[in-house]
Protein backbone atom coordinates (compact mmCIF):
# COMPACT_ATOMS: atom_id res chain seq x y z
CA UNK A 1 0.00 0.00 0.00
CA UNK A 2 1.47 3.30 -1.10
CA UNK A 3 0.43 6.72 0.14
CA UNK A 4 -0.67 7.66 -3.39
CA UNK A 5 -2.98 4.68 -3.89
CA UNK A 6 -6.71 4.47 -3.21
CA UNK A 7 -6.44 1.61 -0.63
CA UNK A 8 -4.33 3.91 1.55
CA UNK A 9 -7.04 6.57 1.44
CA UNK A 10 -9.62 4.01 2.63
CA UNK A 11 -7.22 2.70 5.29
CA UNK A 12 -6.43 6.20 6.52
CA UNK A 13 -10.09 7.22 6.61
CA UNK A 14 -10.96 4.12 8.64
CA UNK A 15 -8.08 4.63 11.07
CA UNK A 16 -8.85 8.33 11.45
CA UNK A 17 -12.59 7.91 12.02
CA UNK A 18 -12.22 5.07 14.52
CA UNK A 19 -9.45 6.95 16.32
CA UNK A 20 -11.67 9.99 16.95
CA UNK A 21 -14.70 7.81 17.74
CA UNK A 22 -12.87 6.15 20.62
CA UNK A 23 -13.59 7.88 23.93
CA UNK A 24 -10.12 8.20 25.45
CA UNK A 25 -6.39 7.92 24.91
CA UNK A 26 -6.44 4.57 26.69
CA UNK A 27 -8.35 3.07 23.74
CA UNK A 28 -6.75 5.21 21.02
CA UNK A 29 -3.16 4.17 21.61
CA UNK A 30 -3.71 0.42 21.08
CA UNK A 31 -5.87 1.24 18.06
CA UNK A 32 -3.07 3.29 16.47
CA UNK A 33 -0.57 0.55 17.28
CA UNK A 34 -2.81 -2.03 15.59
CA UNK A 35 -3.21 0.27 12.58
CA UNK A 36 0.56 0.65 12.37
CA UNK A 37 1.02 -3.12 12.42
CA UNK A 38 -1.67 -3.53 9.74
CA UNK A 39 -0.01 -0.91 7.53
CA UNK A 40 3.36 -2.59 7.97
CA UNK A 41 1.87 -6.04 7.33
CA UNK A 42 0.29 -4.81 4.10
CA UNK A 43 3.83 -4.35 2.78
CA UNK A 44 5.23 -7.69 3.99
CA UNK A 45 3.58 -9.67 6.80
CA UNK A 46 6.73 -11.75 7.39
CA UNK A 47 8.38 -8.87 9.24
CA UNK A 48 5.61 -8.50 11.80
CA UNK A 49 7.51 -10.67 14.26
CA UNK A 50 10.49 -8.36 13.92
CA UNK A 51 8.53 -5.18 14.55
CA UNK A 52 6.69 -6.88 17.41
CA UNK A 53 10.04 -7.86 18.95
CA UNK A 54 11.32 -4.28 18.77
CA UNK A 55 8.05 -2.98 20.23
CA UNK A 56 8.15 -5.41 23.16
CA UNK A 57 11.83 -4.72 23.90
CA UNK A 58 11.34 -0.95 23.86
CA UNK A 59 8.16 -1.14 25.93
CA UNK A 60 9.86 -3.36 28.51
CA UNK A 61 12.87 -1.05 28.61
CA UNK A 62 10.58 1.96 29.13
CA UNK A 63 8.80 0.20 32.00
CA UNK A 64 12.16 -0.57 33.60
CA UNK A 65 13.26 3.06 33.21
CA UNK A 66 10.08 4.32 34.86
CA UNK A 67 10.40 1.82 37.72
CA UNK A 68 14.05 2.60 38.40
CA UNK A 69 15.11 5.34 40.80
CA UNK A 70 18.77 5.03 39.83
CA UNK A 71 19.98 7.27 37.00
CA UNK A 72 22.65 4.78 35.90
CA UNK A 73 20.10 1.97 35.63
CA UNK A 74 17.82 4.14 33.50
CA UNK A 75 20.72 5.02 31.21
CA UNK A 76 21.58 1.34 30.84
CA UNK A 77 18.02 0.58 29.75
CA UNK A 78 18.21 3.39 27.21
CA UNK A 79 21.41 1.85 25.86
CA UNK A 80 19.81 -1.62 25.70
CA UNK A 81 16.84 -0.21 23.83
CA UNK A 82 19.01 1.73 21.38
CA UNK A 83 21.40 -1.14 20.72
CA UNK A 84 18.59 -3.56 19.93
CA UNK A 85 16.61 -1.08 17.82
CA UNK A 86 19.60 0.18 15.88
CA UNK A 87 20.99 -3.35 15.59
CA UNK A 88 17.79 -4.60 13.99
CA UNK A 89 17.81 -1.59 11.67
CA UNK A 90 21.45 -2.15 10.72
CA UNK A 91 20.99 -5.83 9.97
CA UNK A 92 17.72 -5.69 8.05
CA UNK A 93 18.19 -2.38 6.23
CA UNK A 94 21.93 -1.97 5.69
CA UNK A 95 23.38 -5.51 5.74
CA UNK A 96 23.22 -5.94 1.96
CA UNK A 97 24.80 -2.52 1.38
CA UNK A 98 27.76 -3.24 3.66
CA UNK A 99 28.27 -6.73 2.24
CA UNK A 100 28.19 -5.40 -1.34
CA UNK A 101 30.68 -2.66 -0.43
CA UNK A 102 33.02 -5.12 1.28
CA UNK A 103 32.76 -7.56 -1.64
CA UNK A 104 33.57 -4.81 -4.14
CA UNK A 105 36.54 -3.67 -2.06
CA UNK A 106 37.84 -7.25 -1.78
CA UNK A 107 37.48 -7.83 -5.51
CA UNK A 108 39.37 -4.56 -6.17
CA UNK A 109 42.18 -5.90 -3.98
CA UNK A 110 42.20 -9.16 -5.96
CA UNK A 111 40.23 -11.35 -3.58
CA UNK A 112 37.16 -13.08 -4.92
CA UNK A 113 34.28 -13.84 -2.63
CA UNK A 114 30.64 -14.72 -2.79
CA UNK A 115 28.20 -12.17 -1.56
CA UNK A 116 25.65 -13.33 1.02
CA UNK A 117 22.49 -11.22 0.95
CA UNK A 118 19.29 -10.99 2.95
CA UNK A 119 16.21 -11.32 0.78
C-alpha cells in the first residue's frame, strides 16, 4: 500500500474515524498501534515478528526506566533499547549494502568472494 494509492485513502479514513470515535487515549493508543502493524503487514507480513520484537523490547525497557530510581540503571536501559533497535535496523536495512561494499573492495584488492544477501 502506497500513500498515493486508493487503498491507503480508505485505510487512513478508517483509522482516522475510529481513532476519533474512541472515547479516550487509553483506547486510542492500542488502536493506532494495531493500525501501524496492519499498515506494515500490508507491505510484507513476514516482518511483523520483527517489529513486534522491537516494540516489546522498547516497551519493557521503558517500563524498567520508569520503575528505576537510579539514574545509571535508567541510562543502561536506554542503551539496551538503542542497541537492539539500531541493531535490527542495521541488519535488516543496511546488511546488503555493507556486504556489497566489502565484496567490491575485496574484488578490487584481488580477492574473490561470494556475496551473502538478505532477501
